[in-house]
Every structure is written in C-alpha cells, then in structure tokens.
Amino acid sequence: MIVIAGTVPTKADRRDDVIAAATAMVRATLEEAGCNAYSFSFSMTEPATVCIFEEWVDQAALDAHFATAHMAEFRGKLGDLVAGAGTFTKYEIASSGPLF
C-alpha cells in the first residue's frame, strides 16, 4: 500500500475556487481503481494551507492516477490557486490496522 501525505499553501482570497477544484478532483479520484482514500482539508492552524491524504493499493494505481485527464485538468488550475510549493511524502506501507 502507498500513502501520500502533503500540504499546499493556497491563496487565501481564492478559498472558494480551491474548494471547487479539490471537490471535483476528489470525486473523480475516488472512482479510480486502486484508490482507497483521497481527501483534501484545510489546516486548523494555517487556514490557507490544504492538507492532502491519499491511499493507493500499489504504485501502478498511483501512476495511473497521475496520467488521468482529471489530474491534468486539476494541475492546470493550480497555478492560479497556490501560494507556493507544496510538500509531499510518500510512504510504502507493509500492513495497517485499527489503532484501537
């Protein structure tokens, strides 16, 4: 399993546009084969920073995601919405289970 966690600073005055773009991206991505989780949220301490969480069954599913039309469309919108470089970390997970 592959987990991606990241943050992206966005333009505070474009919050509604960020939400619209992210909502469309989440809806399309959750329909992809191999996607177990995909979400965006705003940071509680930095309200213009978007937090990203993704879970994929394997690298092939993630690679296919990067090649989708909705990813290309989303990336095209980002230039007007982001306020700097994002940070992303990829984790390769051997097993997972409930915390409690």
PDB file of N, CA and C in Angstrom:
ATOM      1  N   MET A   1       0.838  -1.166   0.000  1.00  0.00           N
ATOM      2  CA  MET A   1       0.000   0.000   0.000  1.00  0.00           C
ATOM      3  C   MET A   1       0.891   1.238   0.000  1.00  0.00           C
ATOM      4  N   ILE A   2       0.411   2.278  -0.665  1.00  0.00           N
ATOM      5  CA  ILE A   2       1.141   3.545  -0.712  1.00  0.00           C
ATOM      6  C   ILE A   2       0.256   4.630  -0.115  1.00  0.00           C
ATOM      7  N   VAL A   3       0.845   5.416   0.778  1.00  0.00           N
ATOM      8  CA  VAL A   3       0.162   6.555   1.385  1.00  0.00           C
ATOM      9  C   VAL A   3       0.927   7.813   1.007  1.00  0.00           C
ATOM     10  N   ILE A   4       0.194   8.826   0.589  1.00  0.00           N
ATOM     11  CA  ILE A   4       0.756  10.133   0.290  1.00  0.00           C
ATOM     12  C   ILE A   4       0.159  11.119   1.282  1.00  0.00           C
ATOM     13  N   ALA A   5       1.010  11.908   1.931  1.00  0.00           N
ATOM     14  CA  ALA A   5       0.555  12.977   2.820  1.00  0.00           C
ATOM     15  C   ALA A   5       1.282  14.245   2.412  1.00  0.00           C
ATOM     16  N   GLY A   6       0.553  15.337   2.355  1.00  0.00           N
ATOM     17  CA  GLY A   6       1.195  16.575   1.936  1.00  0.00           C
ATOM     18  C   GLY A   6       0.420  17.806   2.329  1.00  0.00           C
ATOM     19  N   THR A   7       1.049  18.941   2.086  1.00  0.00           N
ATOM     20  CA  THR A   7       0.410  20.230   2.312  1.00  0.00           C
ATOM     21  C   THR A   7       0.730  21.155   1.137  1.00  0.00           C
ATOM     22  N   VAL A   8      -0.209  22.046   0.850  1.00  0.00           N
ATOM     23  CA  VAL A   8      -0.035  23.021  -0.223  1.00  0.00           C
ATOM     24  C   VAL A   8      -0.567  24.369   0.267  1.00  0.00           C
ATOM     25  N   PRO A   9       0.292  25.405   0.251  1.00  0.00           N
ATOM     26  CA  PRO A   9      -0.218  26.729   0.614  1.00  0.00           C
ATOM     27  C   PRO A   9      -1.051  27.289  -0.541  1.00  0.00           C
ATOM     28  N   THR A  10      -2.212  27.811  -0.229  1.00  0.00           N
ATOM     29  CA  THR A  10      -3.084  28.362  -1.266  1.00  0.00           C
ATOM     30  C   THR A  10      -3.314  29.853  -1.024  1.00  0.00           C
ATOM     31  N   LYS A  11      -3.838  30.504  -2.027  1.00  0.00           N
ATOM     32  CA  LYS A  11      -4.150  31.924  -1.914  1.00  0.00           C
ATOM     33  C   LYS A  11      -5.438  32.072  -1.099  1.00  0.00           C
ATOM     34  N   ALA A  12      -5.348  32.779   0.021  1.00  0.00           N
ATOM     35  CA  ALA A  12      -6.489  32.899   0.931  1.00  0.00           C
ATOM     36  C   ALA A  12      -7.717  33.480   0.247  1.00  0.00           C
ATOM     37  N   ASP A  13      -7.514  34.394  -0.681  1.00  0.00           N
ATOM     38  CA  ASP A  13      -8.653  35.025  -1.351  1.00  0.00           C
ATOM     39  C   ASP A  13      -9.267  34.134  -2.435  1.00  0.00           C
ATOM     40  N   ARG A  14      -8.709  32.948  -2.643  1.00  0.00           N
ATOM     41  CA  ARG A  14      -9.218  32.003  -3.661  1.00  0.00           C
ATOM     42  C   ARG A  14      -9.788  30.740  -3.012  1.00  0.00           C
ATOM     43  N   ARG A  15     -10.106  30.810  -1.723  1.00  0.00           N
ATOM     44  CA  ARG A  15     -10.564  29.631  -0.976  1.00  0.00           C
ATOM     45  C   ARG A  15     -11.726  28.909  -1.678  1.00  0.00           C
ATOM     46  N   ASP A  16     -12.729  29.650  -2.116  1.00  0.00           N
ATOM     47  CA  ASP A  16     -13.877  29.008  -2.766  1.00  0.00           C
ATOM     48  C   ASP A  16     -13.470  28.287  -4.050  1.00  0.00           C
ATOM     49  N   ASP A  17     -12.528  28.860  -4.791  1.00  0.00           N
ATOM     50  CA  ASP A  17     -12.039  28.213  -6.014  1.00  0.00           C
ATOM     51  C   ASP A  17     -11.235  26.958  -5.686  1.00  0.00           C
ATOM     52  N   VAL A  18     -10.460  27.026  -4.599  1.00  0.00           N
ATOM     53  CA  VAL A  18      -9.704  25.848  -4.147  1.00  0.00           C
ATOM     54  C   VAL A  18     -10.674  24.726  -3.787  1.00  0.00           C
ATOM     55  N   ILE A  19     -11.712  25.069  -3.042  1.00  0.00           N
ATOM     56  CA  ILE A  19     -12.701  24.065  -2.639  1.00  0.00           C
ATOM     57  C   ILE A  19     -13.377  23.448  -3.861  1.00  0.00           C
ATOM     58  N   ALA A  20     -13.748  24.261  -4.832  1.00  0.00           N
ATOM     59  CA  ALA A  20     -14.405  23.735  -6.035  1.00  0.00           C
ATOM     60  C   ALA A  20     -13.482  22.796  -6.807  1.00  0.00           C
ATOM     61  N   ALA A  21     -12.251  23.201  -7.004  1.00  0.00           N
ATOM     62  CA  ALA A  21     -11.295  22.368  -7.748  1.00  0.00           C
ATOM     63  C   ALA A  21     -10.999  21.074  -6.997  1.00  0.00           C
ATOM     64  N   ALA A  22     -10.798  21.184  -5.694  1.00  0.00           N
ATOM     65  CA  ALA A  22     -10.483  20.000  -4.891  1.00  0.00           C
ATOM     66  C   ALA A  22     -11.663  19.040  -4.822  1.00  0.00           C
ATOM     67  N   THR A  23     -12.861  19.563  -4.704  1.00  0.00           N
ATOM     68  CA  THR A  23     -14.050  18.713  -4.640  1.00  0.00           C
ATOM     69  C   THR A  23     -14.210  17.901  -5.919  1.00  0.00           C
ATOM     70  N   ALA A  24     -14.035  18.544  -7.057  1.00  0.00           N
ATOM     71  CA  ALA A  24     -14.118  17.822  -8.336  1.00  0.00           C
ATOM     72  C   ALA A  24     -13.034  16.766  -8.432  1.00  0.00           C
ATOM     73  N   MET A  25     -11.839  17.103  -7.980  1.00  0.00           N
ATOM     74  CA  MET A  25     -10.722  16.160  -8.037  1.00  0.00           C
ATOM     75  C   MET A  25     -10.972  14.953  -7.133  1.00  0.00           C
ATOM     76  N   VAL A  26     -11.451  15.195  -5.935  1.00  0.00           N
ATOM     77  CA  VAL A  26     -11.736  14.094  -5.007  1.00  0.00           C
ATOM     78  C   VAL A  26     -12.797  13.169  -5.591  1.00  0.00           C
ATOM     79  N   ARG A  27     -13.874  13.739  -6.091  1.00  0.00           N
ATOM     80  CA  ARG A  27     -14.958  12.903  -6.643  1.00  0.00           C
ATOM     81  C   ARG A  27     -14.457  12.013  -7.774  1.00  0.00           C
ATOM     82  N   ALA A  28     -13.676  12.577  -8.678  1.00  0.00           N
ATOM     83  CA  ALA A  28     -13.162  11.791  -9.806  1.00  0.00           C
ATOM     84  C   ALA A  28     -12.157  10.747  -9.341  1.00  0.00           C
ATOM     85  N   THR A  29     -11.288  11.130  -8.429  1.00  0.00           N
ATOM     86  CA  THR A  29     -10.219  10.220  -7.993  1.00  0.00           C
ATOM     87  C   THR A  29     -10.762   9.044  -7.203  1.00  0.00           C
ATOM     88  N   LEU A  30     -11.770   9.257  -6.381  1.00  0.00           N
ATOM     89  CA  LEU A  30     -12.336   8.153  -5.600  1.00  0.00           C
ATOM     90  C   LEU A  30     -12.969   7.078  -6.473  1.00  0.00           C
ATOM     91  N   GLU A  31     -13.226   7.403  -7.736  1.00  0.00           N
ATOM     92  CA  GLU A  31     -13.764   6.421  -8.686  1.00  0.00           C
ATOM     93  C   GLU A  31     -12.667   5.577  -9.336  1.00  0.00           C
ATOM     94  N   GLU A  32     -11.412   5.958  -9.154  1.00  0.00           N
ATOM     95  CA  GLU A  32     -10.306   5.246  -9.791  1.00  0.00           C
ATOM     96  C   GLU A  32     -10.052   3.889  -9.142  1.00  0.00           C
ATOM     97  N   ALA A  33      -9.718   2.913  -9.971  1.00  0.00           N
ATOM     98  CA  ALA A  33      -9.308   1.611  -9.461  1.00  0.00           C
ATOM     99  C   ALA A  33      -8.029   1.782  -8.652  1.00  0.00           C
ATOM    100  N   GLY A  34      -7.985   1.156  -7.505  1.00  0.00           N
ATOM    101  CA  GLY A  34      -6.778   1.195  -6.677  1.00  0.00           C
ATOM    102  C   GLY A  34      -6.714   2.344  -5.699  1.00  0.00           C
ATOM    103  N   CYS A  35      -7.715   3.213  -5.690  1.00  0.00           N
ATOM    104  CA  CYS A  35      -7.741   4.327  -4.738  1.00  0.00           C
ATOM    105  C   CYS A  35      -8.568   3.916  -3.531  1.00  0.00           C
ATOM    106  N   ASN A  36      -7.930   3.849  -2.371  1.00  0.00           N
ATOM    107  CA  ASN A  36      -8.635   3.506  -1.137  1.00  0.00           C
ATOM    108  C   ASN A  36      -9.091   4.744  -0.375  1.00  0.00           C
ATOM    109  N   ALA A  37      -8.359   5.843  -0.507  1.00  0.00           N
ATOM    110  CA  ALA A  37      -8.706   7.089   0.189  1.00  0.00           C
ATOM    111  C   ALA A  37      -8.079   8.250  -0.556  1.00  0.00           C
ATOM    112  N   TYR A  38      -8.795   9.376  -0.562  1.00  0.00           N
ATOM    113  CA  TYR A  38      -8.288  10.577  -1.226  1.00  0.00           C
ATOM    114  C   TYR A  38      -9.039  11.754  -0.652  1.00  0.00           C
ATOM    115  N   SER A  39      -8.335  12.638   0.050  1.00  0.00           N
ATOM    116  CA  SER A  39      -9.034  13.757   0.673  1.00  0.00           C
ATOM    117  C   SER A  39      -8.165  15.002   0.761  1.00  0.00           C
ATOM    118  N   PHE A  40      -8.851  16.135   0.750  1.00  0.00           N
ATOM    119  CA  PHE A  40      -8.246  17.440   0.977  1.00  0.00           C
ATOM    120  C   PHE A  40      -8.964  18.061   2.170  1.00  0.00           C
ATOM    121  N   SER A  41      -8.222  18.810   2.976  1.00  0.00           N
ATOM    122  CA  SER A  41      -8.822  19.562   4.072  1.00  0.00           C
ATOM    123  C   SER A  41      -7.951  20.778   4.332  1.00  0.00           C
ATOM    124  N   PHE A  42      -8.510  21.756   5.024  1.00  0.00           N
ATOM    125  CA  PHE A  42      -7.726  22.932   5.387  1.00  0.00           C
ATOM    126  C   PHE A  42      -7.128  22.739   6.770  1.00  0.00           C
ATOM    127  N   SER A  43      -5.908  23.212   6.944  1.00  0.00           N
ATOM    128  CA  SER A  43      -5.216  23.157   8.229  1.00  0.00           C
ATOM    129  C   SER A  43      -5.974  23.982   9.264  1.00  0.00           C
ATOM    130  N   MET A  44      -6.002  23.514  10.495  1.00  0.00           N
ATOM    131  CA  MET A  44      -6.644  24.249  11.575  1.00  0.00           C
ATOM    132  C   MET A  44      -5.782  25.415  12.059  1.00  0.00           C
ATOM    133  N   THR A  45      -4.471  25.327  11.849  1.00  0.00           N
ATOM    134  CA  THR A  45      -3.573  26.389  12.321  1.00  0.00           C
ATOM    135  C   THR A  45      -3.139  27.346  11.219  1.00  0.00           C
ATOM    136  N   GLU A  46      -3.249  26.904   9.971  1.00  0.00           N
ATOM    137  CA  GLU A  46      -2.909  27.736   8.812  1.00  0.00           C
ATOM    138  C   GLU A  46      -4.056  27.619   7.816  1.00  0.00           C
ATOM    139  N   PRO A  47      -5.078  28.460   7.957  1.00  0.00           N
ATOM    140  CA  PRO A  47      -6.325  28.291   7.207  1.00  0.00           C
ATOM    141  C   PRO A  47      -6.208  28.309   5.682  1.00  0.00           C
ATOM    142  N   ALA A  48      -5.127  28.804   5.129  1.00  0.00           N
ATOM    143  CA  ALA A  48      -4.967  28.791   3.673  1.00  0.00           C
ATOM    144  C   ALA A  48      -4.138  27.601   3.196  1.00  0.00           C
ATOM    145  N   THR A  49      -3.727  26.741   4.106  1.00  0.00           N
ATOM    146  CA  THR A  49      -2.940  25.559   3.746  1.00  0.00           C
ATOM    147  C   THR A  49      -3.851  24.348   3.615  1.00  0.00           C
ATOM    148  N   VAL A  50      -3.751  23.686   2.471  1.00  0.00           N
ATOM    149  CA  VAL A  50      -4.529  22.479   2.212  1.00  0.00           C
ATOM    150  C   VAL A  50      -3.694  21.262   2.590  1.00  0.00           C
ATOM    151  N   CYS A  51      -4.326  20.350   3.319  1.00  0.00           N
ATOM    152  CA  CYS A  51      -3.693  19.084   3.695  1.00  0.00           C
ATOM    153  C   CYS A  51      -4.255  17.996   2.781  1.00  0.00           C
ATOM    154  N   ILE A  52      -3.375  17.149   2.294  1.00  0.00           N
ATOM    155  CA  ILE A  52      -3.759  16.109   1.343  1.00  0.00           C
ATOM    156  C   ILE A  52      -3.426  14.744   1.947  1.00  0.00           C
ATOM    157  N   PHE A  53      -4.367  13.801   1.805  1.00  0.00           N
ATOM    158  CA  PHE A  53      -4.135  12.433   2.242  1.00  0.00           C
ATOM    159  C   PHE A  53      -4.636  11.504   1.148  1.00  0.00           C
ATOM    160  N   GLU A  54      -3.776  10.568   0.741  1.00  0.00           N
ATOM    161  CA  GLU A  54      -4.123   9.599  -0.301  1.00  0.00           C
ATOM    162  C   GLU A  54      -3.681   8.211   0.135  1.00  0.00           C
ATOM    163  N   GLU A  55      -4.446   7.201  -0.253  1.00  0.00           N
ATOM    164  CA  GLU A  55      -4.053   5.811  -0.023  1.00  0.00           C
ATOM    165  C   GLU A  55      -4.325   5.026  -1.293  1.00  0.00           C
ATOM    166  N   TRP A  56      -3.301   4.352  -1.787  1.00  0.00           N
ATOM    167  CA  TRP A  56      -3.357   3.602  -3.043  1.00  0.00           C
ATOM    168  C   TRP A  56      -2.954   2.151  -2.805  1.00  0.00           C
ATOM    169  N   VAL A  57      -3.528   1.227  -3.572  1.00  0.00           N
ATOM    170  CA  VAL A  57      -3.193  -0.185  -3.387  1.00  0.00           C
ATOM    171  C   VAL A  57      -1.761  -0.491  -3.793  1.00  0.00           C
ATOM    172  N   ASP A  58      -1.256   0.238  -4.809  1.00  0.00           N
ATOM    173  CA  ASP A  58       0.122  -0.015  -5.236  1.00  0.00           C
ATOM    174  C   ASP A  58       0.617   1.134  -6.124  1.00  0.00           C
ATOM    175  N   GLN A  59       1.874   1.057  -6.520  1.00  0.00           N
ATOM    176  CA  GLN A  59       2.485   2.102  -7.340  1.00  0.00           C
ATOM    177  C   GLN A  59       1.814   2.207  -8.716  1.00  0.00           C
ATOM    178  N   ALA A  60       1.381   1.083  -9.264  1.00  0.00           N
ATOM    179  CA  ALA A  60       0.722   1.110 -10.569  1.00  0.00           C
ATOM    180  C   ALA A  60      -0.563   1.949 -10.518  1.00  0.00           C
ATOM    181  N   ALA A  61      -1.330   1.821  -9.443  1.00  0.00           N
ATOM    182  CA  ALA A  61      -2.554   2.617  -9.292  1.00  0.00           C
ATOM    183  C   ALA A  61      -2.222   4.102  -9.166  1.00  0.00           C
ATOM    184  N   LEU A  62      -1.166   4.418  -8.420  1.00  0.00           N
ATOM    185  CA  LEU A  62      -0.746   5.816  -8.278  1.00  0.00           C
ATOM    186  C   LEU A  62      -0.268   6.375  -9.614  1.00  0.00           C
ATOM    187  N   ASP A  63       0.515   5.585 -10.341  1.00  0.00           N
ATOM    188  CA  ASP A  63       0.993   6.015 -11.660  1.00  0.00           C
ATOM    189  C   ASP A  63      -0.185   6.275 -12.602  1.00  0.00           C
ATOM    190  N   ALA A  64      -1.182   5.401 -12.575  1.00  0.00           N
ATOM    191  CA  ALA A  64      -2.364   5.576 -13.422  1.00  0.00           C
ATOM    192  C   ALA A  64      -3.104   6.861 -13.033  1.00  0.00           C
ATOM    193  N   HIS A  65      -3.160   7.153 -11.742  1.00  0.00           N
ATOM    194  CA  HIS A  65      -3.798   8.378 -11.260  1.00  0.00           C
ATOM    195  C   HIS A  65      -3.125   9.616 -11.858  1.00  0.00           C
ATOM    196  N   PHE A  66      -1.804   9.635 -11.851  1.00  0.00           N
ATOM    197  CA  PHE A  66      -1.077  10.784 -12.376  1.00  0.00           C
ATOM    198  C   PHE A  66      -1.305  10.978 -13.877  1.00  0.00           C
ATOM    199  N   ALA A  67      -1.747   9.936 -14.566  1.00  0.00           N
ATOM    200  CA  ALA A  67      -1.960  10.005 -16.010  1.00  0.00           C
ATOM    201  C   ALA A  67      -3.410  10.314 -16.404  1.00  0.00           C
ATOM    202  N   THR A  68      -4.290  10.523 -15.433  1.00  0.00           N
ATOM    203  CA  THR A  68      -5.705  10.762 -15.753  1.00  0.00           C
ATOM    204  C   THR A  68      -5.944  12.173 -16.279  1.00  0.00           C
ATOM    205  N   ALA A  69      -7.033  12.304 -17.010  1.00  0.00           N
ATOM    206  CA  ALA A  69      -7.426  13.619 -17.529  1.00  0.00           C
ATOM    207  C   ALA A  69      -7.797  14.564 -16.400  1.00  0.00           C
ATOM    208  N   HIS A  70      -8.454  14.048 -15.354  1.00  0.00           N
ATOM    209  CA  HIS A  70      -8.830  14.946 -14.255  1.00  0.00           C
ATOM    210  C   HIS A  70      -7.614  15.448 -13.485  1.00  0.00           C
ATOM    211  N   MET A  71      -6.536  14.668 -13.440  1.00  0.00           N
ATOM    212  CA  MET A  71      -5.298  15.156 -12.809  1.00  0.00           C
ATOM    213  C   MET A  71      -4.692  16.268 -13.652  1.00  0.00           C
ATOM    214  N   ALA A  72      -4.670  16.102 -14.951  1.00  0.00           N
ATOM    215  CA  ALA A  72      -4.132  17.145 -15.835  1.00  0.00           C
ATOM    216  C   ALA A  72      -4.955  18.427 -15.716  1.00  0.00           C
ATOM    217  N   GLU A  73      -6.262  18.290 -15.673  1.00  0.00           N
ATOM    218  CA  GLU A  73      -7.128  19.457 -15.527  1.00  0.00           C
ATOM    219  C   GLU A  73      -6.894  20.153 -14.183  1.00  0.00           C
ATOM    220  N   PHE A  74      -6.777  19.362 -13.126  1.00  0.00           N
ATOM    221  CA  PHE A  74      -6.538  19.911 -11.790  1.00  0.00           C
ATOM    222  C   PHE A  74      -5.201  20.651 -11.730  1.00  0.00           C
ATOM    223  N   ARG A  75      -4.175  20.035 -12.271  1.00  0.00           N
ATOM    224  CA  ARG A  75      -2.860  20.692 -12.289  1.00  0.00           C
ATOM    225  C   ARG A  75      -2.913  22.013 -13.055  1.00  0.00           C
ATOM    226  N   GLY A  76      -3.708  22.057 -14.101  1.00  0.00           N
ATOM    227  CA  GLY A  76      -3.851  23.286 -14.870  1.00  0.00           C
ATOM    228  C   GLY A  76      -4.466  24.418 -14.066  1.00  0.00           C
ATOM    229  N   LYS A  77      -5.308  24.075 -13.109  1.00  0.00           N
ATOM    230  CA  LYS A  77      -5.954  25.080 -12.265  1.00  0.00           C
ATOM    231  C   LYS A  77      -5.060  25.554 -11.120  1.00  0.00           C
ATOM    232  N   LEU A  78      -4.099  24.752 -10.731  1.00  0.00           N
ATOM    233  CA  LEU A  78      -3.308  25.048  -9.533  1.00  0.00           C
ATOM    234  C   LEU A  78      -2.507  26.343  -9.606  1.00  0.00           C
ATOM    235  N   GLY A  79      -2.011  26.703 -10.775  1.00  0.00           N
ATOM    236  CA  GLY A  79      -1.183  27.896 -10.900  1.00  0.00           C
ATOM    237  C   GLY A  79      -1.851  29.149 -10.377  1.00  0.00           C
ATOM    238  N   ASP A  80      -3.169  29.234 -10.552  1.00  0.00           N
ATOM    239  CA  ASP A  80      -3.916  30.399 -10.085  1.00  0.00           C
ATOM    240  C   ASP A  80      -4.334  30.292  -8.625  1.00  0.00           C
ATOM    241  N   LEU A  81      -4.172  29.122  -8.031  1.00  0.00           N
ATOM    242  CA  LEU A  81      -4.702  28.881  -6.690  1.00  0.00           C
ATOM    243  C   LEU A  81      -3.655  28.729  -5.599  1.00  0.00           C
ATOM    244  N   VAL A  82      -2.468  28.282  -5.958  1.00  0.00           N
ATOM    245  CA  VAL A  82      -1.459  28.024  -4.932  1.00  0.00           C
ATOM    246  C   VAL A  82      -0.617  29.268  -4.653  1.00  0.00           C
ATOM    247  N   ALA A  83      -0.084  29.303  -3.429  1.00  0.00           N
ATOM    248  CA  ALA A  83       0.722  30.451  -2.999  1.00  0.00           C
ATOM    249  C   ALA A  83       2.170  30.061  -2.748  1.00  0.00           C
ATOM    250  N   GLY A  84       2.579  28.892  -3.206  1.00  0.00           N
ATOM    251  CA  GLY A  84       3.947  28.427  -3.014  1.00  0.00           C
ATOM    252  C   GLY A  84       4.028  26.933  -3.268  1.00  0.00           C
ATOM    253  N   ALA A  85       5.212  26.409  -3.093  1.00  0.00           N
ATOM    254  CA  ALA A  85       5.447  24.983  -3.342  1.00  0.00           C
ATOM    255  C   ALA A  85       4.826  24.124  -2.251  1.00  0.00           C
ATOM    256  N   GLY A  86       4.270  23.018  -2.659  1.00  0.00           N
ATOM    257  CA  GLY A  86       3.740  22.052  -1.706  1.00  0.00           C
ATOM    258  C   GLY A  86       4.825  21.110  -1.230  1.00  0.00           C
ATOM    259  N   THR A  87       4.536  20.415  -0.154  1.00  0.00           N
ATOM    260  CA  THR A  87       5.424  19.363   0.345  1.00  0.00           C
ATOM    261  C   THR A  87       4.622  18.068   0.407  1.00  0.00           C
ATOM    262  N   PHE A  88       5.219  17.002  -0.092  1.00  0.00           N
ATOM    263  CA  PHE A  88       4.539  15.717  -0.158  1.00  0.00           C
ATOM    264  C   PHE A  88       5.491  14.622   0.283  1.00  0.00           C
ATOM    265  N   THR A  89       4.967  13.653   1.013  1.00  0.00           N
ATOM    266  CA  THR A  89       5.757  12.499   1.432  1.00  0.00           C
ATOM    267  C   THR A  89       5.025  11.239   1.002  1.00  0.00           C
ATOM    268  N   LYS A  90       5.769  10.306   0.428  1.00  0.00           N
ATOM    269  CA  LYS A  90       5.217   9.020   0.006  1.00  0.00           C
ATOM    270  C   LYS A  90       5.685   7.959   0.997  1.00  0.00           C
ATOM    271  N   TYR A  91       4.729   7.203   1.512  1.00  0.00           N
ATOM    272  CA  TYR A  91       5.017   6.124   2.451  1.00  0.00           C
ATOM    273  C   TYR A  91       4.634   4.802   1.807  1.00  0.00           C
ATOM    274  N   GLU A  92       5.496   3.810   1.898  1.00  0.00           N
ATOM    275  CA  GLU A  92       5.175   2.475   1.439  1.00  0.00           C
ATOM    276  C   GLU A  92       4.888   1.648   2.675  1.00  0.00           C
ATOM    277  N   ILE A  93       3.651   1.167   2.783  1.00  0.00           N
ATOM    278  CA  ILE A  93       3.156   0.532   3.996  1.00  0.00           C
ATOM    279  C   ILE A  93       3.031  -0.983   3.773  1.00  0.00           C
ATOM    280  N   ALA A  94       3.635  -1.747   4.678  1.00  0.00           N
ATOM    281  CA  ALA A  94       3.564  -3.195   4.563  1.00  0.00           C
ATOM    282  C   ALA A  94       2.273  -3.751   5.160  1.00  0.00           C
ATOM    283  N   SER A  95       1.748  -3.094   6.196  1.00  0.00           N
ATOM    284  CA  SER A  95       0.500  -3.547   6.791  1.00  0.00           C
ATOM    285  C   SER A  95      -0.149  -2.370   7.516  1.00  0.00           C
ATOM    286  N   SER A  96      -1.442  -2.519   7.771  1.00  0.00           N
ATOM    287  CA  SER A  96      -2.165  -1.493   8.513  1.00  0.00           C
ATOM    288  C   SER A  96      -3.315  -2.154   9.255  1.00  0.00           C
ATOM    289  N   GLY A  97      -3.818  -1.469  10.241  1.00  0.00           N
ATOM    290  CA  GLY A  97      -4.947  -1.967  11.005  1.00  0.00           C
ATOM    291  C   GLY A  97      -5.450  -0.892  11.938  1.00  0.00           C
ATOM    292  N   PRO A  98      -6.524  -1.167  12.644  1.00  0.00           N
ATOM    293  CA  PRO A  98      -7.080  -0.174  13.558  1.00  0.00           C
ATOM    294  C   PRO A  98      -6.090   0.226  14.640  1.00  0.00           C
ATOM    295  N   LEU A  99      -6.142   1.484  15.023  1.00  0.00           N
ATOM    296  CA  LEU A  99      -5.277   1.970  16.101  1.00  0.00           C
ATOM    297  C   LEU A  99      -5.774   1.445  17.449  1.00  0.00           C
ATOM    298  N   PHE A 100      -7.077   1.409  17.634  1.00  0.00           N
ATOM    299  CA  PHE A 100      -7.654   0.945  18.916  1.00  0.00           C
ATOM    300  C   PHE A 100      -8.545  -0.238  18.698  1.00  0.00           C
TER     301      PHE A 100
END
